[in-house]
Amino acid sequence: MAVVGGLGNRFLRQPDSPIVGRPKSGAWFTTYCGPRDVITALDGQLAASSRQIVVGWSALSVDIETNPADGDRISKIGGVRSDNDTVVSLPTSRLDPDDVVRRVIAAASGARLLVGHNLRRRDVPQLRRQFPGLTCLDLPVLDTLELSAIAFPSNPYHRLVKPTS
């Protein structure tokens, strides 16, 4: 079964089965639920159940942007909590370093885990070097780069692929 439809029109149906519906506009239509609709519904269910798992982790997911032309100076720090609505996005070049430390520590308050991609070998050392007062860096680390190599050993690389603009 899949939940499909848009603009408030939701229908529950078996894959590849026709459905006749009447949206709020009053026009009748017939459509089919294909495999992509089923995958989308399953992705939604997986995302919802995954969210429930990580809520209990009280994790702070962290990412930094650095400028190699400027000695790998951190230009931005981003963080999202798994157990509440805390989001931090800091352009570090525009803020006093003590303010950056204070804001990141506030976002990490109560966190039990740091999560990030290449966090252990890249981001944490950079953060320690440039913002030594970040006590949250002493939390246990879950590095998704390391997990990627375990989960997908046949992949030729495990770096994040960022879209080009």
Protein backbone atom coordinates (compact mmCIF):
# COMPACT_ATOMS: atom_id res chain seq x y z
CA MET A 1 0.00 0.00 0.00
CA ALA A 2 1.16 3.52 -0.70
CA VAL A 3 -0.05 6.92 0.28
CA VAL A 4 0.02 9.16 -2.78
CA GLY A 5 -1.56 12.40 -3.87
CA GLY A 6 -0.85 16.05 -3.61
CA LEU A 7 -2.40 19.29 -2.42
CA GLY A 8 -4.23 17.58 0.40
CA ASN A 9 -5.54 14.73 -1.77
CA ARG A 10 -4.18 11.51 -0.25
CA PHE A 11 -5.13 8.00 -1.38
CA LEU A 12 -4.09 4.63 -0.02
CA ARG A 13 -3.74 1.96 -2.70
CA GLN A 14 -1.87 -1.09 -3.91
CA PRO A 15 1.02 -0.57 -6.37
CA ASP A 16 -0.05 -0.40 -10.04
CA SER A 17 -3.74 -0.32 -9.13
CA PRO A 18 -6.04 2.29 -10.66
CA ILE A 19 -7.85 4.73 -8.47
CA VAL A 20 -10.67 7.04 -9.30
CA GLY A 21 -10.68 10.16 -7.23
CA ARG A 22 -12.32 13.51 -6.92
CA PRO A 23 -10.12 16.30 -5.53
CA LYS A 24 -11.45 19.46 -3.97
CA SER A 25 -11.74 21.04 -7.43
CA GLY A 26 -14.58 18.61 -8.19
CA ALA A 27 -13.04 17.13 -11.35
CA TRP A 28 -12.94 13.30 -11.47
CA PHE A 29 -9.76 11.57 -12.55
CA THR A 30 -8.18 8.13 -12.82
CA THR A 31 -4.51 7.59 -11.99
CA TYR A 32 -2.15 4.73 -11.17
CA CYS A 33 0.20 4.16 -8.28
CA GLY A 34 3.58 3.08 -9.64
CA PRO A 35 6.72 1.65 -8.02
CA ARG A 36 8.16 5.14 -7.52
CA ASP A 37 5.14 6.06 -5.36
CA VAL A 38 5.76 2.99 -3.21
CA ILE A 39 9.46 3.85 -2.82
CA THR A 40 8.58 7.42 -1.87
CA ALA A 41 6.12 6.18 0.76
CA LEU A 42 8.71 3.71 2.13
CA ASP A 43 11.36 6.46 2.21
CA GLY A 44 8.96 8.58 4.25
CA GLN A 45 8.33 5.74 6.68
CA LEU A 46 12.07 5.03 6.97
CA ALA A 47 12.85 8.70 7.55
CA ALA A 48 10.18 8.89 10.26
CA SER A 49 11.42 5.76 12.05
CA SER A 50 15.07 6.83 11.67
CA ARG A 51 14.21 10.17 13.23
CA GLN A 52 12.72 8.35 16.23
CA ILE A 53 15.96 6.40 16.67
CA VAL A 54 18.27 9.41 16.62
CA VAL A 55 16.03 11.50 18.88
CA GLY A 56 17.11 9.26 21.74
CA TRP A 57 20.76 9.81 20.92
CA SER A 58 20.70 13.50 21.89
CA ALA A 59 23.23 14.07 19.13
CA LEU A 60 24.64 17.26 17.69
CA SER A 61 25.36 16.84 13.98
CA VAL A 62 28.19 19.17 13.00
CA ASP A 63 29.71 20.36 9.74
CA ILE A 64 32.27 23.04 8.99
CA GLU A 65 33.32 24.86 5.85
CA THR A 66 36.97 25.84 5.51
CA ASN A 67 38.93 27.98 3.09
CA PRO A 68 42.09 26.21 1.89
CA ALA A 69 43.40 29.47 0.41
CA ASP A 70 43.26 31.00 3.89
CA GLY A 71 45.11 28.29 5.83
CA ASP A 72 41.97 26.14 6.23
CA ARG A 73 40.36 28.85 8.32
CA ILE A 74 36.82 27.85 9.31
CA SER A 75 34.38 30.15 7.54
CA LYS A 76 31.14 28.53 8.69
CA ILE A 77 29.98 26.14 11.40
CA GLY A 78 26.63 24.39 11.18
CA GLY A 79 24.93 22.13 13.67
CA VAL A 80 21.58 20.43 14.18
CA ARG A 81 20.31 18.62 17.26
CA SER A 82 18.56 15.27 16.90
CA ASP A 83 16.39 15.65 19.99
CA ASN A 84 15.11 19.21 19.70
CA ASP A 85 14.72 22.04 17.21
CA THR A 86 18.14 23.58 17.80
CA VAL A 87 19.89 24.67 14.62
CA VAL A 88 23.06 26.73 14.52
CA SER A 89 24.55 28.30 11.39
CA LEU A 90 27.45 30.60 12.14
CA PRO A 91 29.51 32.64 9.66
CA THR A 92 32.63 32.60 11.82
CA SER A 93 34.44 35.39 9.95
CA ARG A 94 31.75 37.86 11.08
CA LEU A 95 31.64 36.84 14.73
CA ASP A 96 33.92 37.15 17.71
CA PRO A 97 35.52 33.73 18.42
CA ASP A 98 34.19 33.81 22.00
CA ASP A 99 30.67 34.33 20.63
CA VAL A 100 31.11 31.35 18.28
CA VAL A 101 32.23 29.17 21.20
CA ARG A 102 29.33 30.34 23.37
CA ARG A 103 26.73 29.64 20.64
CA VAL A 104 28.07 26.20 19.75
CA ILE A 105 28.28 25.17 23.42
CA ALA A 106 24.69 26.38 23.89
CA ALA A 107 23.55 24.26 20.93
CA ALA A 108 25.42 21.26 22.31
CA SER A 109 24.04 21.62 25.83
CA GLY A 110 22.71 18.22 26.88
CA ALA A 111 24.07 16.44 23.80
CA ARG A 112 25.62 13.04 24.39
CA LEU A 113 27.18 12.52 20.94
CA LEU A 114 28.72 14.42 18.03
CA VAL A 115 27.87 13.23 14.51
CA GLY A 116 29.50 14.28 11.27
CA HIS A 117 31.23 13.19 8.07
CA ASN A 118 35.02 13.08 8.48
CA LEU A 119 34.44 14.61 11.89
CA ARG A 120 37.12 12.68 13.78
CA ARG A 121 40.07 13.33 11.45
CA ARG A 122 39.15 16.69 9.91
CA ASP A 123 36.47 18.79 11.62
CA VAL A 124 37.27 18.14 15.30
CA PRO A 125 41.01 18.92 14.91
CA GLN A 126 40.19 22.11 12.98
CA LEU A 127 37.62 23.16 15.59
CA ARG A 128 40.05 22.43 18.46
CA ARG A 129 42.79 24.47 16.76
CA GLN A 130 40.63 27.49 15.92
CA PHE A 131 38.13 27.43 18.80
CA PRO A 132 39.95 25.81 21.76
CA GLY A 133 37.13 26.60 24.20
CA LEU A 134 34.67 24.18 22.56
CA THR A 135 34.22 21.72 25.42
CA CYS A 136 31.57 19.81 23.43
CA LEU A 137 34.42 18.39 21.30
CA ASP A 138 35.11 16.00 24.18
CA LEU A 139 31.82 14.17 23.49
CA PRO A 140 31.94 10.74 21.83
CA VAL A 141 32.12 10.98 18.02
CA LEU A 142 30.12 9.08 15.42
CA ASP A 143 31.92 9.63 12.11
CA THR A 144 29.79 8.78 9.07
CA LEU A 145 32.90 8.62 6.85
CA GLU A 146 34.11 5.66 8.90
CA LEU A 147 30.64 4.08 8.85
CA SER A 148 30.40 4.52 5.08
CA ALA A 149 33.56 2.45 4.55
CA ILE A 150 32.07 -0.33 6.68
CA ALA A 151 28.59 -0.21 5.17
CA PHE A 152 29.71 0.19 1.54
CA PRO A 153 33.15 -1.47 1.26
CA SER A 154 32.99 -1.74 -2.55
CA ASN A 155 32.54 2.03 -3.05
CA PRO A 156 35.68 3.57 -4.53
CA TYR A 157 35.35 6.61 -2.25
CA HIS A 158 33.35 7.69 0.79
CA ARG A 159 33.55 11.47 0.64
CA LEU A 160 30.44 13.60 0.44
CA VAL A 161 29.58 14.62 -3.07
CA LYS A 162 28.54 18.25 -3.01
CA PRO A 163 26.51 19.75 -5.84
CA THR A 164 28.31 22.21 -8.07
CA SER A 165 26.73 25.53 -8.78
